[in-house]
Amino acid sequence: MEPPTPPFDFPREYYFPAFFTRQVNLTSLRAQHEKWSSLILSYCAHHRLFKLSLSSPATEDLFHNRKLNKRLSTADAREVLDFMRKDGLVEDVGGGSSGGKSGEAGGDVVWVYWKTPEEWARALEEWVDETAQKGTVLTLYELTEGEGTRGTEFHGMDPEMMQKALQVLVNRGKAQIFGQEDQQGVKFF
């Protein structure tokens, strides 16, 4: 059993009330977006969150500082995600490139790239080389949950994010994916 994750250490800005209020000065707004972007990436990496939902209880602490009784509004959180999307740090789940409007489910759930699919592919490729897995067929389950990957940074990875990383390797000619969606295997070259 994995040890419990220690509490996240929020940056000092998180304890300033103005951090939760949309800034009107463009320079201040950009700085605010950059700080929120950094916070979201750090928070998701710490908790190993690959998807972020604005309505999920898992992200409640991220957008709501109970000590200050301040909350980033959903509209402002969407604006931060749009800022991150422009830098390729988030992508809508489902592959869309623009966030949903209020009331649409798709725009409030995004992939968070605290590591990009290319970086995950590199980690997989290194593991394949280190463990002599070239030519071996492994299931997605073995890669994300198997004993052989315990202790690797991709153990416990969201299966859909694993698919994204594997697709990078397929595009490079380093892997082949085959089988049905619920029973996919991958062969490394």
Protein backbone atom coordinates (compact mmCIF):
# COMPACT_ATOMS: atom_id res chain seq x y z
CA MET A 1 0.00 0.00 0.00
CA GLU A 2 1.22 3.45 -0.93
CA PRO A 3 1.99 5.89 1.91
CA PRO A 4 -0.47 8.78 2.19
CA THR A 5 0.38 11.90 0.24
CA PRO A 6 1.66 14.68 2.52
CA PRO A 7 -0.37 17.90 2.50
CA PHE A 8 0.27 20.30 -0.34
CA ASP A 9 2.35 23.36 0.57
CA PHE A 10 0.52 26.31 -1.01
CA PRO A 11 2.62 29.29 -2.17
CA ARG A 12 2.46 32.54 -0.22
CA GLU A 13 0.23 34.20 -2.85
CA TYR A 14 -2.51 31.73 -1.95
CA TYR A 15 -2.84 33.51 1.40
CA PHE A 16 -3.37 36.99 -0.10
CA PRO A 17 -7.06 37.85 -0.65
CA ALA A 18 -6.28 39.68 -3.92
CA PHE A 19 -5.06 36.38 -5.41
CA PHE A 20 -8.70 35.26 -5.60
CA THR A 21 -9.96 38.48 -7.19
CA ARG A 22 -9.58 39.04 -10.93
CA GLN A 23 -7.09 41.83 -11.53
CA VAL A 24 -8.13 44.61 -13.91
CA ASN A 25 -4.66 45.92 -14.80
CA LEU A 26 -3.42 43.79 -17.73
CA THR A 27 0.11 43.42 -16.34
CA SER A 28 -1.25 42.35 -12.95
CA LEU A 29 -3.75 40.04 -14.61
CA ARG A 30 -1.01 38.29 -16.60
CA ALA A 31 1.08 37.87 -13.44
CA GLN A 32 -1.99 36.52 -11.65
CA HIS A 33 -2.63 34.02 -14.46
CA GLU A 34 1.02 32.92 -14.37
CA LYS A 35 0.87 32.36 -10.60
CA TRP A 36 -2.41 30.43 -10.86
CA SER A 37 -0.96 28.39 -13.72
CA SER A 38 2.09 27.51 -11.64
CA LEU A 39 -0.10 26.68 -8.64
CA ILE A 40 -2.39 24.40 -10.69
CA LEU A 41 0.58 22.53 -12.20
CA SER A 42 2.25 22.07 -8.81
CA TYR A 43 -0.98 21.04 -7.10
CA CYS A 44 -1.84 18.49 -9.79
CA ALA A 45 1.72 17.08 -9.81
CA HIS A 46 1.70 16.78 -6.01
CA HIS A 47 -1.64 14.95 -6.01
CA ARG A 48 -0.90 13.13 -9.29
CA LEU A 49 -4.01 14.56 -10.90
CA PHE A 50 -3.98 14.15 -14.65
CA LYS A 51 -7.45 15.60 -15.19
CA LEU A 52 -8.78 18.71 -13.52
CA SER A 53 -12.48 19.35 -13.12
CA LEU A 54 -13.65 22.73 -11.92
CA SER A 55 -16.59 21.06 -10.19
CA SER A 56 -14.70 18.19 -8.55
CA PRO A 57 -14.40 17.97 -4.75
CA ALA A 58 -10.77 16.90 -5.34
CA THR A 59 -9.94 20.45 -6.45
CA GLU A 60 -12.02 22.25 -3.84
CA ASP A 61 -8.94 23.21 -1.78
CA LEU A 62 -7.18 24.49 -4.88
CA PHE A 63 -9.74 27.15 -5.71
CA HIS A 64 -11.12 27.83 -2.21
CA ASN A 65 -8.99 29.17 0.64
CA ARG A 66 -11.07 28.42 3.71
CA LYS A 67 -8.80 30.42 6.04
CA LEU A 68 -9.48 33.56 4.03
CA ASN A 69 -12.98 32.50 3.05
CA LYS A 70 -12.03 33.41 -0.53
CA ARG A 71 -12.77 31.43 -3.67
CA LEU A 72 -11.69 31.86 -7.27
CA SER A 73 -14.90 32.16 -9.28
CA THR A 74 -15.64 29.51 -11.87
CA ALA A 75 -15.47 32.15 -14.61
CA ASP A 76 -12.03 33.28 -13.42
CA ALA A 77 -10.85 29.66 -13.13
CA ARG A 78 -11.96 29.09 -16.74
CA GLU A 79 -10.01 32.18 -17.74
CA VAL A 80 -6.89 30.75 -16.06
CA LEU A 81 -7.42 27.45 -17.91
CA ASP A 82 -7.74 29.38 -21.19
CA PHE A 83 -4.43 31.11 -20.37
CA MET A 84 -2.83 27.70 -19.70
CA ARG A 85 -4.36 26.23 -22.87
CA LYS A 86 -2.58 28.84 -24.98
CA ASP A 87 0.74 27.60 -23.57
CA GLY A 88 -0.19 23.94 -24.12
CA LEU A 89 -0.36 23.24 -20.38
CA VAL A 90 -3.97 22.03 -20.46
CA GLU A 91 -6.18 20.44 -23.09
CA ASP A 92 -9.90 19.85 -22.98
CA VAL A 93 -10.80 16.25 -22.23
CA GLY A 94 -12.30 14.99 -25.46
CA GLY A 95 -9.72 16.85 -27.55
CA GLY A 96 -11.54 20.14 -28.06
CA SER A 97 -9.47 23.28 -28.10
CA SER A 98 -11.89 25.71 -26.56
CA GLY A 99 -13.56 25.61 -23.19
CA GLY A 100 -17.25 25.00 -22.84
CA LYS A 101 -19.59 27.81 -22.00
CA SER A 102 -21.36 27.98 -18.68
CA GLY A 103 -23.58 24.94 -18.39
CA GLU A 104 -21.56 22.81 -20.83
CA ALA A 105 -19.72 19.93 -19.17
CA GLY A 106 -16.79 19.61 -21.59
CA GLY A 107 -15.05 22.93 -20.93
CA ASP A 108 -14.73 22.36 -17.18
CA VAL A 109 -12.63 19.18 -17.42
CA VAL A 110 -9.10 19.40 -18.79
CA TRP A 111 -5.95 17.35 -19.05
CA VAL A 112 -3.25 19.04 -16.99
CA TYR A 113 0.22 18.63 -18.44
CA TRP A 114 2.46 18.94 -15.41
CA LYS A 115 4.38 16.54 -17.62
CA THR A 116 3.60 16.53 -21.31
CA PRO A 117 2.78 13.31 -23.18
CA GLU A 118 6.24 13.67 -24.78
CA GLU A 119 7.89 13.75 -21.35
CA TRP A 120 5.88 10.69 -20.23
CA ALA A 121 6.88 8.93 -23.46
CA ARG A 122 10.53 9.67 -22.70
CA ALA A 123 10.13 8.19 -19.19
CA LEU A 124 8.49 5.08 -20.68
CA GLU A 125 11.21 4.74 -23.28
CA GLU A 126 13.91 4.97 -20.60
CA TRP A 127 12.12 2.33 -18.49
CA VAL A 128 11.83 0.04 -21.53
CA ASP A 129 15.58 0.38 -22.13
CA GLU A 130 16.53 -0.04 -18.45
CA THR A 131 14.36 -3.13 -17.94
CA ALA A 132 15.04 -4.78 -21.33
CA GLN A 133 11.39 -4.68 -22.40
CA LYS A 134 12.08 -4.17 -26.13
CA GLY A 135 10.18 -6.77 -28.10
CA THR A 136 7.95 -7.52 -25.12
CA VAL A 137 4.18 -7.16 -25.21
CA LEU A 138 2.67 -5.48 -22.15
CA THR A 139 -0.90 -4.52 -21.37
CA LEU A 140 -1.89 -1.02 -20.42
CA TYR A 141 -2.77 -2.39 -16.98
CA GLU A 142 0.74 -3.80 -16.55
CA LEU A 143 2.21 -0.42 -17.45
CA THR A 144 0.01 1.63 -15.13
CA GLU A 145 -0.66 -0.80 -12.26
CA GLY A 146 1.68 -3.77 -12.62
CA GLU A 147 4.35 -4.91 -10.18
CA GLY A 148 7.05 -4.26 -12.77
CA THR A 149 6.34 -0.53 -12.82
CA ARG A 150 6.11 0.02 -9.04
CA GLY A 151 8.43 2.84 -8.10
CA THR A 152 8.33 4.43 -11.56
CA GLU A 153 6.86 7.86 -12.02
CA PHE A 154 4.23 6.50 -14.42
CA HIS A 155 2.92 3.79 -12.05
CA GLY A 156 -0.69 4.72 -11.25
CA MET A 157 -0.95 6.98 -14.28
CA ASP A 158 -4.37 7.70 -15.73
CA PRO A 159 -4.84 5.10 -18.51
CA GLU A 160 -5.91 7.77 -21.00
CA MET A 161 -2.75 9.79 -20.31
CA MET A 162 -0.75 6.57 -20.78
CA GLN A 163 -2.47 6.23 -24.17
CA LYS A 164 -1.33 9.75 -25.08
CA ALA A 165 2.27 8.93 -24.11
CA LEU A 166 2.18 5.63 -26.00
CA GLN A 167 0.82 7.40 -29.09
CA VAL A 168 3.94 9.60 -29.05
CA LEU A 169 6.07 6.42 -29.10
CA VAL A 170 3.92 4.95 -31.89
CA ASN A 171 4.42 8.11 -33.94
CA ARG A 172 8.20 7.79 -33.42
CA GLY A 173 8.15 4.13 -34.49
CA LYS A 174 9.15 2.99 -30.99
CA ALA A 175 5.95 1.11 -30.13
CA GLN A 176 2.87 -0.54 -31.60
CA ILE A 177 -0.53 -0.62 -29.89
CA PHE A 178 -2.96 -3.39 -30.68
CA GLY A 179 -6.09 -5.08 -29.33
CA GLN A 180 -9.48 -3.81 -28.25
CA GLU A 181 -9.90 -0.65 -26.20
CA ASP A 182 -10.51 -2.52 -22.94
CA GLN A 183 -7.70 -5.03 -23.58
CA GLN A 184 -4.97 -3.13 -25.35
CA GLY A 185 -1.41 -4.25 -25.51
CA VAL A 186 1.73 -2.48 -26.57
CA LYS A 187 4.93 -3.81 -28.06
CA PHE A 188 8.08 -1.72 -27.72
CA PHE A 189 10.79 -1.53 -30.40
